């Protein structure tokens, strides 16, 4: 009898298989919506090719996404200029909305929150949205002023720990 090499086939026949979690990524700045993006993006890679900081990468489906672990977004709009699809909000809407419907958080892996002096996130934050206060001891801890934060991601790639996350806000249907 021949041995089955692919374990996934065996699991399927036994009814035991794991579903892969759906990856949630931030797409290009000022995209209309994830639904529109996933339907209209042709996966031509022009946006990835013209990105000046190389912050754009491809996900498993071949769609571009922003990887703040490697770089920041300068909001140069080259990705939008290179795209032939109607994926982006208009300039009027940009006056009242940030580039992404996302939130930024600093978790407990932060060195400063663990009483180790570090202010690398503040040093790279151009709009000065990250400040440090001496609220709980001799080492200052970070605070984010979300109204000043542009969500450019410079702080994410400069952090020596995986402590800063920019994650898409999930909107519940009403």
C-alpha atoms as a PDB file:
ATOM      1  CA  UNK A   1       0.000   0.000   0.000  1.00  0.00           C
ATOM      2  CA  UNK A   2       1.285   3.434  -0.957  1.00  0.00           C
ATOM      3  CA  UNK A   3       1.899   5.927   1.839  1.00  0.00           C
ATOM      4  CA  UNK A   4       0.176   9.296   1.558  1.00  0.00           C
ATOM      5  CA  UNK A   5       2.827  12.029   1.528  1.00  0.00           C
ATOM      6  CA  UNK A   6       0.547  15.037   1.906  1.00  0.00           C
ATOM      7  CA  UNK A   7      -0.719  15.207   5.491  1.00  0.00           C
ATOM      8  CA  UNK A   8      -3.330  17.821   4.563  1.00  0.00           C
ATOM      9  CA  UNK A   9      -5.067  15.269   2.323  1.00  0.00           C
ATOM     10  CA  UNK A  10      -5.223  12.822   5.190  1.00  0.00           C
ATOM     11  CA  UNK A  11      -6.785  15.471   7.447  1.00  0.00           C
ATOM     12  CA  UNK A  12      -9.321  16.368   4.770  1.00  0.00           C
ATOM     13  CA  UNK A  13     -10.453  12.761   4.386  1.00  0.00           C
ATOM     14  CA  UNK A  14     -10.762  12.405   8.157  1.00  0.00           C
ATOM     15  CA  UNK A  15     -12.626  15.695   8.425  1.00  0.00           C
ATOM     16  CA  UNK A  16      -9.771  17.293  10.366  1.00  0.00           C
ATOM     17  CA  UNK A  17      -8.374  20.386   8.799  1.00  0.00           C
ATOM     18  CA  UNK A  18      -7.407  23.783  10.036  1.00  0.00           C
ATOM     19  CA  UNK A  19      -8.728  26.886   8.385  1.00  0.00           C
ATOM     20  CA  UNK A  20      -6.119  29.556   7.828  1.00  0.00           C
ATOM     21  CA  UNK A  21      -6.888  32.885   9.508  1.00  0.00           C
ATOM     22  CA  UNK A  22      -7.630  35.713   7.100  1.00  0.00           C
ATOM     23  CA  UNK A  23      -4.794  38.205   7.035  1.00  0.00           C
ATOM     24  CA  UNK A  24      -5.811  41.770   7.829  1.00  0.00           C
ATOM     25  CA  UNK A  25      -3.563  44.346   6.246  1.00  0.00           C
ATOM     26  CA  UNK A  26      -3.618  48.062   5.782  1.00  0.00           C
ATOM     27  CA  UNK A  27      -3.775  48.774   2.088  1.00  0.00           C
ATOM     28  CA  UNK A  28      -2.541  51.856   0.264  1.00  0.00           C
ATOM     29  CA  UNK A  29      -3.288  55.271   1.809  1.00  0.00           C
ATOM     30  CA  UNK A  30      -6.722  56.765   1.108  1.00  0.00           C
ATOM     31  CA  UNK A  31      -8.209  53.601  -0.388  1.00  0.00           C
ATOM     32  CA  UNK A  32     -12.016  53.735  -0.558  1.00  0.00           C
ATOM     33  CA  UNK A  33     -12.535  50.414   1.226  1.00  0.00           C
ATOM     34  CA  UNK A  34     -11.047  46.949   1.572  1.00  0.00           C
ATOM     35  CA  UNK A  35     -13.939  45.506  -0.447  1.00  0.00           C
ATOM     36  CA  UNK A  36     -13.410  47.891  -3.359  1.00  0.00           C
ATOM     37  CA  UNK A  37      -9.676  47.372  -3.209  1.00  0.00           C
ATOM     38  CA  UNK A  38      -9.818  43.568  -3.266  1.00  0.00           C
ATOM     39  CA  UNK A  39     -12.309  43.617  -6.157  1.00  0.00           C
ATOM     40  CA  UNK A  40     -10.724  46.306  -8.338  1.00  0.00           C
ATOM     41  CA  UNK A  41      -6.979  45.883  -7.775  1.00  0.00           C
ATOM     42  CA  UNK A  42      -5.459  44.187 -10.805  1.00  0.00           C
ATOM     43  CA  UNK A  43      -2.299  43.131  -8.911  1.00  0.00           C
ATOM     44  CA  UNK A  44      -0.134  44.848 -11.530  1.00  0.00           C
ATOM     45  CA  UNK A  45       2.488  45.820  -8.887  1.00  0.00           C
ATOM     46  CA  UNK A  46       2.969  49.327 -10.295  1.00  0.00           C
ATOM     47  CA  UNK A  47       2.309  50.824  -6.855  1.00  0.00           C
ATOM     48  CA  UNK A  48       4.933  48.557  -5.286  1.00  0.00           C
ATOM     49  CA  UNK A  49       7.457  49.466  -7.976  1.00  0.00           C
ATOM     50  CA  UNK A  50       7.068  53.248  -7.535  1.00  0.00           C
ATOM     51  CA  UNK A  51       6.973  53.314  -3.726  1.00  0.00           C
ATOM     52  CA  UNK A  52       9.896  55.516  -2.675  1.00  0.00           C
ATOM     53  CA  UNK A  53      10.327  53.935   0.765  1.00  0.00           C
ATOM     54  CA  UNK A  54       9.474  50.371  -0.322  1.00  0.00           C
ATOM     55  CA  UNK A  55       6.853  50.129   2.432  1.00  0.00           C
ATOM     56  CA  UNK A  56       4.463  48.328   0.065  1.00  0.00           C
ATOM     57  CA  UNK A  57       4.627  44.535  -0.087  1.00  0.00           C
ATOM     58  CA  UNK A  58       2.430  41.750  -1.538  1.00  0.00           C
ATOM     59  CA  UNK A  59       0.196  39.564   0.613  1.00  0.00           C
ATOM     60  CA  UNK A  60      -0.600  35.905  -0.081  1.00  0.00           C
ATOM     61  CA  UNK A  61      -3.338  36.907  -2.535  1.00  0.00           C
ATOM     62  CA  UNK A  62      -0.946  39.165  -4.460  1.00  0.00           C
ATOM     63  CA  UNK A  63      -2.556  42.368  -3.192  1.00  0.00           C
ATOM     64  CA  UNK A  64      -0.329  45.235  -2.056  1.00  0.00           C
ATOM     65  CA  UNK A  65      -0.285  46.186   1.612  1.00  0.00           C
ATOM     66  CA  UNK A  66       1.678  48.510   3.861  1.00  0.00           C
ATOM     67  CA  UNK A  67       4.387  46.846   5.948  1.00  0.00           C
ATOM     68  CA  UNK A  68       5.382  49.361   8.611  1.00  0.00           C
ATOM     69  CA  UNK A  69       7.909  46.884  10.025  1.00  0.00           C
ATOM     70  CA  UNK A  70      10.263  47.769   7.170  1.00  0.00           C
ATOM     71  CA  UNK A  71       9.642  51.456   6.464  1.00  0.00           C
ATOM     72  CA  UNK A  72       7.277  54.382   6.761  1.00  0.00           C
ATOM     73  CA  UNK A  73       4.814  55.959   4.343  1.00  0.00           C
ATOM     74  CA  UNK A  74       5.723  59.477   3.207  1.00  0.00           C
ATOM     75  CA  UNK A  75       2.311  60.048   1.596  1.00  0.00           C
ATOM     76  CA  UNK A  76       4.038  60.874  -1.697  1.00  0.00           C
ATOM     77  CA  UNK A  77       0.952  59.643  -3.636  1.00  0.00           C
ATOM     78  CA  UNK A  78       3.102  57.853  -6.211  1.00  0.00           C
ATOM     79  CA  UNK A  79       1.127  54.644  -5.616  1.00  0.00           C
ATOM     80  CA  UNK A  80      -2.107  56.451  -6.402  1.00  0.00           C
ATOM     81  CA  UNK A  81      -0.664  58.165  -9.482  1.00  0.00           C
ATOM     82  CA  UNK A  82       0.523  54.825 -10.855  1.00  0.00           C
ATOM     83  CA  UNK A  83      -2.852  53.117 -10.348  1.00  0.00           C
ATOM     84  CA  UNK A  84      -5.333  53.017 -13.216  1.00  0.00           C
ATOM     85  CA  UNK A  85      -8.217  51.799 -11.047  1.00  0.00           C
ATOM     86  CA  UNK A  86     -10.715  53.994  -9.119  1.00  0.00           C
ATOM     87  CA  UNK A  87      -9.511  52.870  -5.685  1.00  0.00           C
ATOM     88  CA  UNK A  88      -8.947  56.142  -3.832  1.00  0.00           C
ATOM     89  CA  UNK A  89     -11.101  58.733  -2.102  1.00  0.00           C
ATOM     90  CA  UNK A  90     -11.148  62.244  -3.552  1.00  0.00           C
ATOM     91  CA  UNK A  91      -9.132  65.194  -2.269  1.00  0.00           C
ATOM     92  CA  UNK A  92     -12.157  66.765  -0.565  1.00  0.00           C
ATOM     93  CA  UNK A  93     -12.661  63.694   1.648  1.00  0.00           C
ATOM     94  CA  UNK A  94      -8.974  63.717   2.596  1.00  0.00           C
ATOM     95  CA  UNK A  95      -9.466  66.967   4.485  1.00  0.00           C
ATOM     96  CA  UNK A  96     -11.617  65.181   7.070  1.00  0.00           C
ATOM     97  CA  UNK A  97     -10.066  61.725   7.077  1.00  0.00           C
ATOM     98  CA  UNK A  98      -6.672  60.216   7.777  1.00  0.00           C
ATOM     99  CA  UNK A  99      -4.908  58.036   5.225  1.00  0.00           C
ATOM    100  CA  UNK A 100      -6.117  54.908   7.010  1.00  0.00           C
ATOM    101  CA  UNK A 101      -9.080  54.146   9.234  1.00  0.00           C
ATOM    102  CA  UNK A 102      -6.752  52.729  11.845  1.00  0.00           C
ATOM    103  CA  UNK A 103      -5.568  53.053  15.405  1.00  0.00           C
ATOM    104  CA  UNK A 104      -2.080  53.103  16.857  1.00  0.00           C
ATOM    105  CA  UNK A 105      -1.137  51.466  20.137  1.00  0.00           C
ATOM    106  CA  UNK A 106       1.970  50.854  22.184  1.00  0.00           C
ATOM    107  CA  UNK A 107       1.834  47.530  23.998  1.00  0.00           C
ATOM    108  CA  UNK A 108       3.667  46.271  27.084  1.00  0.00           C
ATOM    109  CA  UNK A 109       6.680  45.073  25.085  1.00  0.00           C
ATOM    110  CA  UNK A 110       7.774  48.722  24.968  1.00  0.00           C
ATOM    111  CA  UNK A 111      11.195  49.110  26.575  1.00  0.00           C
ATOM    112  CA  UNK A 112      10.200  52.355  28.321  1.00  0.00           C
ATOM    113  CA  UNK A 113       7.151  50.667  29.819  1.00  0.00           C
ATOM    114  CA  UNK A 114       9.568  48.040  31.167  1.00  0.00           C
ATOM    115  CA  UNK A 115      11.785  50.650  32.846  1.00  0.00           C
ATOM    116  CA  UNK A 116      14.466  50.672  30.144  1.00  0.00           C
ATOM    117  CA  UNK A 117      15.278  54.078  28.733  1.00  0.00           C
ATOM    118  CA  UNK A 118      14.223  54.302  25.077  1.00  0.00           C
ATOM    119  CA  UNK A 119      12.660  57.086  23.067  1.00  0.00           C
ATOM    120  CA  UNK A 120      13.348  55.901  19.523  1.00  0.00           C
ATOM    121  CA  UNK A 121       9.704  56.276  18.500  1.00  0.00           C
ATOM    122  CA  UNK A 122       9.611  59.911  19.605  1.00  0.00           C
ATOM    123  CA  UNK A 123      12.858  60.700  17.823  1.00  0.00           C
ATOM    124  CA  UNK A 124      11.502  59.669  14.395  1.00  0.00           C
ATOM    125  CA  UNK A 125       7.998  61.100  14.826  1.00  0.00           C
ATOM    126  CA  UNK A 126       7.937  64.115  12.533  1.00  0.00           C
ATOM    127  CA  UNK A 127       4.575  65.521  13.689  1.00  0.00           C
ATOM    128  CA  UNK A 128       5.702  65.038  17.327  1.00  0.00           C
ATOM    129  CA  UNK A 129       2.631  62.937  18.138  1.00  0.00           C
ATOM    130  CA  UNK A 130       4.596  60.824  20.632  1.00  0.00           C
ATOM    131  CA  UNK A 131       5.628  62.406  23.900  1.00  0.00           C
ATOM    132  CA  UNK A 132       7.117  60.986  27.069  1.00  0.00           C
ATOM    133  CA  UNK A 133       6.046  61.692  30.625  1.00  0.00           C
ATOM    134  CA  UNK A 134       7.415  60.755  34.044  1.00  0.00           C
ATOM    135  CA  UNK A 135       4.043  59.506  35.277  1.00  0.00           C
ATOM    136  CA  UNK A 136       5.268  56.302  36.936  1.00  0.00           C
ATOM    137  CA  UNK A 137       8.896  56.543  37.903  1.00  0.00           C
ATOM    138  CA  UNK A 138      12.386  57.493  36.806  1.00  0.00           C
ATOM    139  CA  UNK A 139      11.969  56.294  33.192  1.00  0.00           C
ATOM    140  CA  UNK A 140       9.556  58.316  31.051  1.00  0.00           C
ATOM    141  CA  UNK A 141       6.814  56.367  29.259  1.00  0.00           C
ATOM    142  CA  UNK A 142       5.321  57.106  25.831  1.00  0.00           C
ATOM    143  CA  UNK A 143       1.955  58.673  25.132  1.00  0.00           C
ATOM    144  CA  UNK A 144       0.439  59.079  21.675  1.00  0.00           C
ATOM    145  CA  UNK A 145      -1.594  62.117  20.726  1.00  0.00           C
ATOM    146  CA  UNK A 146      -3.795  60.448  18.110  1.00  0.00           C
ATOM    147  CA  UNK A 147      -5.065  63.735  16.724  1.00  0.00           C
ATOM    148  CA  UNK A 148      -1.491  64.687  15.750  1.00  0.00           C
ATOM    149  CA  UNK A 149      -0.524  61.203  14.528  1.00  0.00           C
ATOM    150  CA  UNK A 150      -0.544  60.809  10.735  1.00  0.00           C
ATOM    151  CA  UNK A 151      -0.194  56.996  10.942  1.00  0.00           C
ATOM    152  CA  UNK A 152       2.936  57.163   8.766  1.00  0.00           C
ATOM    153  CA  UNK A 153       4.481  54.191  10.590  1.00  0.00           C
ATOM    154  CA  UNK A 154       7.938  55.677  11.191  1.00  0.00           C
ATOM    155  CA  UNK A 155       7.682  54.749  14.859  1.00  0.00           C
ATOM    156  CA  UNK A 156       6.867  51.113  14.070  1.00  0.00           C
ATOM    157  CA  UNK A 157      10.004  50.407  12.070  1.00  0.00           C
ATOM    158  CA  UNK A 158      12.250  52.330  14.489  1.00  0.00           C
ATOM    159  CA  UNK A 159      11.035  50.508  17.601  1.00  0.00           C
ATOM    160  CA  UNK A 160      13.593  47.951  18.834  1.00  0.00           C
ATOM    161  CA  UNK A 161      10.720  45.781  20.095  1.00  0.00           C
ATOM    162  CA  UNK A 162       7.474  44.797  18.327  1.00  0.00           C
ATOM    163  CA  UNK A 163       5.677  47.220  20.648  1.00  0.00           C
ATOM    164  CA  UNK A 164       3.917  49.635  18.282  1.00  0.00           C
ATOM    165  CA  UNK A 165       0.998  48.471  16.177  1.00  0.00           C
ATOM    166  CA  UNK A 166      -1.091  50.282  13.606  1.00  0.00           C
ATOM    167  CA  UNK A 167      -4.227  48.263  13.004  1.00  0.00           C
ATOM    168  CA  UNK A 168      -7.271  48.829  10.870  1.00  0.00           C
ATOM    169  CA  UNK A 169     -10.383  49.858  12.759  1.00  0.00           C
ATOM    170  CA  UNK A 170     -13.122  47.302  12.325  1.00  0.00           C
ATOM    171  CA  UNK A 171     -16.454  48.900  11.583  1.00  0.00           C
ATOM    172  CA  UNK A 172     -19.519  46.931  12.588  1.00  0.00           C
ATOM    173  CA  UNK A 173     -22.406  47.140  10.095  1.00  0.00           C
ATOM    174  CA  UNK A 174     -25.244  49.163  11.565  1.00  0.00           C
END
